[in-house]
N, C-alpha and C. Protein backbone atom coordinates (compact mmCIF):
# COMPACT_ATOMS: atom_id res chain seq x y z
N MET A 1 -23.78 11.73 -28.51
CA MET A 1 -23.42 10.43 -29.06
C MET A 1 -24.67 9.64 -29.41
N SER A 2 -24.64 8.99 -30.53
CA SER A 2 -25.77 8.16 -30.92
C SER A 2 -25.71 6.83 -30.19
N ALA A 3 -26.80 6.10 -30.20
CA ALA A 3 -26.85 4.80 -29.52
C ALA A 3 -25.77 3.85 -30.01
N PRO A 4 -25.51 3.74 -31.34
CA PRO A 4 -24.45 2.83 -31.78
C PRO A 4 -23.07 3.21 -31.24
N GLU A 5 -22.80 4.51 -31.08
CA GLU A 5 -21.51 4.93 -30.55
C GLU A 5 -21.38 4.59 -29.08
N THR A 6 -22.42 4.79 -28.29
CA THR A 6 -22.32 4.53 -26.86
C THR A 6 -22.33 3.04 -26.55
N SER A 7 -22.93 2.23 -27.40
CA SER A 7 -23.02 0.80 -27.11
C SER A 7 -21.69 0.07 -27.32
N ARG A 8 -20.70 0.73 -27.87
CA ARG A 8 -19.39 0.10 -28.04
C ARG A 8 -18.66 -0.07 -26.72
N PHE A 9 -19.05 0.69 -25.71
CA PHE A 9 -18.35 0.68 -24.43
C PHE A 9 -19.08 -0.19 -23.42
N VAL A 10 -18.33 -0.99 -22.69
CA VAL A 10 -18.89 -1.91 -21.71
C VAL A 10 -18.14 -1.72 -20.40
N ARG A 11 -18.88 -1.56 -19.31
CA ARG A 11 -18.26 -1.52 -17.99
C ARG A 11 -18.31 -2.93 -17.41
N LEU A 12 -17.16 -3.48 -17.13
CA LEU A 12 -17.04 -4.82 -16.56
C LEU A 12 -16.65 -4.67 -15.10
N ARG A 13 -17.51 -5.12 -14.21
CA ARG A 13 -17.21 -5.02 -12.78
C ARG A 13 -16.78 -6.40 -12.28
N VAL A 14 -15.65 -6.44 -11.62
CA VAL A 14 -15.13 -7.69 -11.08
C VAL A 14 -14.78 -7.46 -9.62
N GLU A 15 -15.23 -8.35 -8.77
CA GLU A 15 -14.86 -8.28 -7.35
C GLU A 15 -14.26 -9.61 -6.97
N LEU A 16 -13.10 -9.57 -6.40
CA LEU A 16 -12.40 -10.78 -5.98
C LEU A 16 -12.15 -10.73 -4.48
N VAL A 17 -12.25 -11.88 -3.83
CA VAL A 17 -11.82 -12.02 -2.45
C VAL A 17 -10.73 -13.08 -2.48
N LEU A 18 -9.53 -12.69 -2.09
CA LEU A 18 -8.39 -13.59 -2.13
C LEU A 18 -7.96 -13.96 -0.71
N GLU A 19 -7.58 -15.21 -0.52
CA GLU A 19 -7.00 -15.62 0.74
C GLU A 19 -5.49 -15.60 0.57
N VAL A 20 -4.81 -14.84 1.39
CA VAL A 20 -3.36 -14.73 1.31
C VAL A 20 -2.77 -15.74 2.29
N GLY A 21 -2.18 -16.77 1.72
CA GLY A 21 -1.56 -17.81 2.53
C GLY A 21 -0.10 -17.53 2.86
N ASP A 22 0.53 -16.67 2.09
CA ASP A 22 1.93 -16.34 2.30
C ASP A 22 2.15 -14.86 2.01
N ALA A 23 1.87 -14.04 3.00
CA ALA A 23 1.98 -12.59 2.84
C ALA A 23 3.41 -12.18 2.48
N ASP A 24 4.38 -12.87 3.02
CA ASP A 24 5.78 -12.55 2.73
C ASP A 24 6.09 -12.75 1.24
N ALA A 25 5.57 -13.81 0.64
CA ALA A 25 5.79 -14.06 -0.79
C ALA A 25 5.14 -12.97 -1.64
N VAL A 26 3.96 -12.51 -1.24
CA VAL A 26 3.27 -11.44 -1.97
C VAL A 26 4.09 -10.16 -1.89
N THR A 27 4.55 -9.83 -0.69
CA THR A 27 5.34 -8.62 -0.50
C THR A 27 6.63 -8.67 -1.29
N LYS A 28 7.32 -9.80 -1.25
CA LYS A 28 8.58 -9.94 -1.99
C LYS A 28 8.35 -9.81 -3.50
N SER A 29 7.26 -10.37 -3.98
CA SER A 29 6.95 -10.26 -5.40
C SER A 29 6.68 -8.81 -5.80
N ALA A 30 5.95 -8.10 -4.97
CA ALA A 30 5.67 -6.69 -5.25
C ALA A 30 6.97 -5.87 -5.22
N LEU A 31 7.85 -6.16 -4.28
CA LEU A 31 9.13 -5.45 -4.22
C LEU A 31 9.99 -5.74 -5.45
N ARG A 32 9.95 -6.98 -5.93
CA ARG A 32 10.68 -7.31 -7.17
C ARG A 32 10.11 -6.54 -8.36
N ARG A 33 8.81 -6.44 -8.43
CA ARG A 33 8.18 -5.70 -9.52
C ARG A 33 8.59 -4.22 -9.45
N ILE A 34 8.59 -3.64 -8.26
CA ILE A 34 8.99 -2.25 -8.09
C ILE A 34 10.45 -2.08 -8.50
N ALA A 35 11.30 -3.00 -8.08
CA ALA A 35 12.73 -2.92 -8.42
C ALA A 35 12.94 -2.97 -9.93
N GLY A 36 12.06 -3.65 -10.63
CA GLY A 36 12.18 -3.78 -12.08
C GLY A 36 11.59 -2.62 -12.87
N GLU A 37 10.95 -1.68 -12.19
CA GLU A 37 10.35 -0.53 -12.85
C GLU A 37 11.44 0.48 -13.22
N GLU A 38 11.88 0.42 -14.46
CA GLU A 38 12.90 1.36 -14.92
C GLU A 38 12.30 2.76 -15.05
N GLY A 39 13.07 3.73 -14.68
CA GLY A 39 12.63 5.11 -14.82
C GLY A 39 11.72 5.61 -13.71
N MET A 40 11.44 4.79 -12.71
CA MET A 40 10.61 5.24 -11.60
C MET A 40 11.43 6.20 -10.73
N PRO A 41 10.92 7.39 -10.48
CA PRO A 41 11.65 8.33 -9.63
C PRO A 41 11.91 7.76 -8.23
N ALA A 42 13.01 8.13 -7.64
CA ALA A 42 13.41 7.59 -6.34
C ALA A 42 12.36 7.80 -5.26
N ALA A 43 11.75 8.97 -5.23
CA ALA A 43 10.73 9.26 -4.21
C ALA A 43 9.51 8.35 -4.39
N GLU A 44 9.10 8.16 -5.64
CA GLU A 44 7.96 7.28 -5.92
C GLU A 44 8.29 5.83 -5.57
N ARG A 45 9.52 5.42 -5.88
CA ARG A 45 9.97 4.06 -5.56
C ARG A 45 9.95 3.84 -4.05
N ALA A 46 10.47 4.80 -3.30
CA ALA A 46 10.49 4.67 -1.84
C ALA A 46 9.08 4.59 -1.27
N HIS A 47 8.17 5.40 -1.81
CA HIS A 47 6.78 5.37 -1.35
C HIS A 47 6.14 4.01 -1.67
N ALA A 48 6.34 3.51 -2.87
CA ALA A 48 5.77 2.22 -3.28
C ALA A 48 6.32 1.09 -2.42
N GLU A 49 7.62 1.10 -2.19
CA GLU A 49 8.24 0.05 -1.36
C GLU A 49 7.70 0.08 0.06
N SER A 50 7.54 1.27 0.60
CA SER A 50 6.99 1.40 1.95
C SER A 50 5.55 0.89 2.01
N ALA A 51 4.75 1.26 1.03
CA ALA A 51 3.34 0.86 1.02
C ALA A 51 3.18 -0.64 0.93
N VAL A 52 3.92 -1.29 0.02
CA VAL A 52 3.75 -2.74 -0.14
C VAL A 52 4.36 -3.52 1.02
N THR A 53 5.35 -2.95 1.69
CA THR A 53 5.96 -3.60 2.84
C THR A 53 5.04 -3.55 4.05
N GLU A 54 4.32 -2.45 4.19
CA GLU A 54 3.46 -2.26 5.36
C GLU A 54 2.10 -2.94 5.24
N ASP A 55 1.63 -3.20 4.02
CA ASP A 55 0.26 -3.69 3.84
C ASP A 55 0.20 -4.69 2.68
N THR A 56 -0.16 -5.93 2.99
CA THR A 56 -0.27 -6.96 1.96
C THR A 56 -1.32 -6.60 0.92
N ALA A 57 -2.38 -5.93 1.33
CA ALA A 57 -3.41 -5.50 0.37
C ALA A 57 -2.82 -4.53 -0.65
N GLU A 58 -1.94 -3.65 -0.22
CA GLU A 58 -1.27 -2.73 -1.14
C GLU A 58 -0.35 -3.49 -2.08
N ALA A 59 0.32 -4.51 -1.55
CA ALA A 59 1.20 -5.33 -2.39
C ALA A 59 0.39 -6.01 -3.48
N LEU A 60 -0.77 -6.55 -3.13
CA LEU A 60 -1.64 -7.18 -4.13
C LEU A 60 -2.12 -6.18 -5.16
N ALA A 61 -2.51 -4.99 -4.72
CA ALA A 61 -2.96 -3.97 -5.66
C ALA A 61 -1.84 -3.59 -6.61
N TYR A 62 -0.61 -3.66 -6.15
CA TYR A 62 0.52 -3.34 -7.01
C TYR A 62 0.76 -4.44 -8.04
N LEU A 63 0.45 -5.68 -7.66
CA LEU A 63 0.71 -6.84 -8.53
C LEU A 63 -0.41 -7.13 -9.53
N VAL A 64 -1.64 -6.80 -9.17
CA VAL A 64 -2.79 -7.11 -10.03
C VAL A 64 -3.02 -5.93 -10.97
N ASP A 65 -3.02 -6.23 -12.26
CA ASP A 65 -3.16 -5.19 -13.28
C ASP A 65 -4.36 -5.51 -14.15
N PRO A 66 -5.37 -4.62 -14.17
CA PRO A 66 -6.55 -4.87 -15.00
C PRO A 66 -6.22 -5.08 -16.48
N PHE A 67 -5.17 -4.44 -16.97
CA PHE A 67 -4.79 -4.62 -18.36
C PHE A 67 -4.48 -6.10 -18.64
N ASP A 68 -3.84 -6.77 -17.68
CA ASP A 68 -3.53 -8.19 -17.85
C ASP A 68 -4.79 -9.04 -18.01
N LEU A 69 -5.90 -8.60 -17.39
CA LEU A 69 -7.14 -9.37 -17.47
C LEU A 69 -7.75 -9.36 -18.86
N VAL A 70 -7.53 -8.29 -19.64
CA VAL A 70 -8.18 -8.16 -20.93
C VAL A 70 -7.22 -8.04 -22.11
N SER A 71 -5.93 -8.04 -21.85
CA SER A 71 -4.97 -7.80 -22.93
C SER A 71 -5.01 -8.87 -24.02
N GLU A 72 -5.42 -10.07 -23.70
CA GLU A 72 -5.47 -11.16 -24.67
C GLU A 72 -6.86 -11.37 -25.28
N VAL A 73 -7.83 -10.55 -24.87
CA VAL A 73 -9.19 -10.68 -25.41
C VAL A 73 -9.24 -10.02 -26.78
N PRO A 74 -9.56 -10.78 -27.82
CA PRO A 74 -9.58 -10.19 -29.16
C PRO A 74 -10.73 -9.19 -29.32
N GLY A 75 -10.45 -8.11 -30.01
CA GLY A 75 -11.48 -7.15 -30.36
C GLY A 75 -11.80 -6.11 -29.31
N VAL A 76 -11.05 -6.09 -28.20
CA VAL A 76 -11.30 -5.09 -27.17
C VAL A 76 -10.02 -4.33 -26.85
N GLU A 77 -10.21 -3.10 -26.41
CA GLU A 77 -9.09 -2.26 -25.99
C GLU A 77 -9.48 -1.60 -24.68
N LEU A 78 -8.66 -1.77 -23.66
CA LEU A 78 -8.93 -1.16 -22.36
C LEU A 78 -8.88 0.36 -22.48
N GLN A 79 -9.94 1.03 -22.09
CA GLN A 79 -10.03 2.48 -22.17
C GLN A 79 -9.71 3.15 -20.84
N GLN A 80 -10.12 2.53 -19.76
CA GLN A 80 -9.94 3.13 -18.44
C GLN A 80 -10.01 2.02 -17.41
N ALA A 81 -9.25 2.14 -16.34
CA ALA A 81 -9.31 1.14 -15.28
C ALA A 81 -8.96 1.80 -13.96
N SER A 82 -9.59 1.32 -12.92
CA SER A 82 -9.22 1.72 -11.57
C SER A 82 -9.46 0.51 -10.68
N TRP A 83 -8.69 0.40 -9.64
CA TRP A 83 -8.85 -0.71 -8.73
C TRP A 83 -8.23 -0.33 -7.40
N SER A 84 -8.66 -1.04 -6.38
CA SER A 84 -8.14 -0.82 -5.04
C SER A 84 -8.20 -2.15 -4.30
N SER A 85 -7.59 -2.17 -3.16
CA SER A 85 -7.65 -3.38 -2.34
C SER A 85 -7.77 -2.97 -0.88
N GLU A 86 -8.33 -3.86 -0.11
CA GLU A 86 -8.49 -3.61 1.32
C GLU A 86 -8.61 -4.93 2.04
N ARG A 87 -8.21 -4.95 3.28
CA ARG A 87 -8.40 -6.14 4.10
C ARG A 87 -9.87 -6.22 4.49
N VAL A 88 -10.43 -7.43 4.47
CA VAL A 88 -11.84 -7.62 4.83
C VAL A 88 -11.97 -8.84 5.73
N ASP A 89 -13.02 -8.84 6.53
CA ASP A 89 -13.40 -10.03 7.29
C ASP A 89 -14.30 -10.83 6.38
N TYR A 90 -13.88 -12.03 6.02
CA TYR A 90 -14.62 -12.84 5.06
C TYR A 90 -15.26 -14.03 5.74
N ASP A 91 -16.54 -14.19 5.54
CA ASP A 91 -17.29 -15.33 6.04
C ASP A 91 -18.12 -15.87 4.88
N PRO A 92 -17.69 -16.98 4.27
CA PRO A 92 -18.42 -17.49 3.10
C PRO A 92 -19.86 -17.89 3.40
N GLU A 93 -20.20 -18.08 4.66
CA GLU A 93 -21.57 -18.45 5.03
C GLU A 93 -22.47 -17.23 5.22
N SER A 94 -21.90 -16.06 5.27
CA SER A 94 -22.68 -14.84 5.50
C SER A 94 -23.42 -14.43 4.24
N PRO A 95 -24.67 -14.01 4.36
CA PRO A 95 -25.41 -13.52 3.19
C PRO A 95 -24.79 -12.26 2.60
N ASP A 96 -23.96 -11.56 3.35
CA ASP A 96 -23.27 -10.37 2.84
C ASP A 96 -22.31 -10.73 1.71
N TRP A 97 -21.92 -11.98 1.62
CA TRP A 97 -20.95 -12.41 0.60
C TRP A 97 -21.60 -13.21 -0.50
N ASP A 98 -22.92 -13.11 -0.65
CA ASP A 98 -23.64 -13.82 -1.71
C ASP A 98 -23.35 -13.15 -3.05
N LEU A 99 -22.54 -13.79 -3.88
CA LEU A 99 -22.16 -13.19 -5.15
C LEU A 99 -23.30 -13.15 -6.16
N ASP A 100 -24.36 -13.91 -5.93
CA ASP A 100 -25.49 -13.94 -6.86
C ASP A 100 -26.59 -12.98 -6.46
N GLU A 101 -26.35 -12.08 -5.52
CA GLU A 101 -27.41 -11.22 -5.00
C GLU A 101 -28.03 -10.31 -6.05
N ASP A 102 -27.31 -9.95 -7.10
CA ASP A 102 -27.83 -9.05 -8.12
C ASP A 102 -28.59 -9.78 -9.22
N ASP A 103 -28.56 -11.11 -9.25
CA ASP A 103 -29.13 -11.87 -10.36
C ASP A 103 -30.61 -11.61 -10.57
N GLY A 104 -31.39 -11.42 -9.51
CA GLY A 104 -32.82 -11.27 -9.67
C GLY A 104 -33.28 -9.85 -9.90
N GLU A 105 -32.40 -8.87 -9.81
CA GLU A 105 -32.82 -7.48 -9.87
C GLU A 105 -33.12 -6.99 -11.28
N ASP A 106 -32.62 -7.63 -12.30
CA ASP A 106 -32.83 -7.14 -13.67
C ASP A 106 -34.02 -7.79 -14.36
N GLY A 107 -34.78 -8.61 -13.63
CA GLY A 107 -35.97 -9.22 -14.19
C GLY A 107 -35.71 -10.51 -14.95
N ASP A 108 -34.46 -11.00 -14.92
CA ASP A 108 -34.14 -12.23 -15.65
C ASP A 108 -34.58 -13.48 -14.88
N GLY A 109 -34.85 -13.34 -13.64
CA GLY A 109 -35.30 -14.55 -13.06
C GLY A 109 -35.15 -14.76 -11.67
């Protein structure tokens, strides 16, 4: 591939930390989304329902769709996406959660 061909592709990395104030609402929303999935095989539906019921992080992963993040952006087409979720211990005062930690590594400042 020539440089002009490879430069058309951009990897966008996004990391979110969400505070779940109502886990039951998240779970119910994920279950409604699963119920609305027409054509989902029964075994897959049962697995999805079990996963989102047992773990709020799984319910969030089921509800958050990377396509939704970019579907309205003109001039781009989503080529590939992957995402996961996990429970974390969050301390906003900890340097481990400094979102600007990469800013100085590229020589910009």
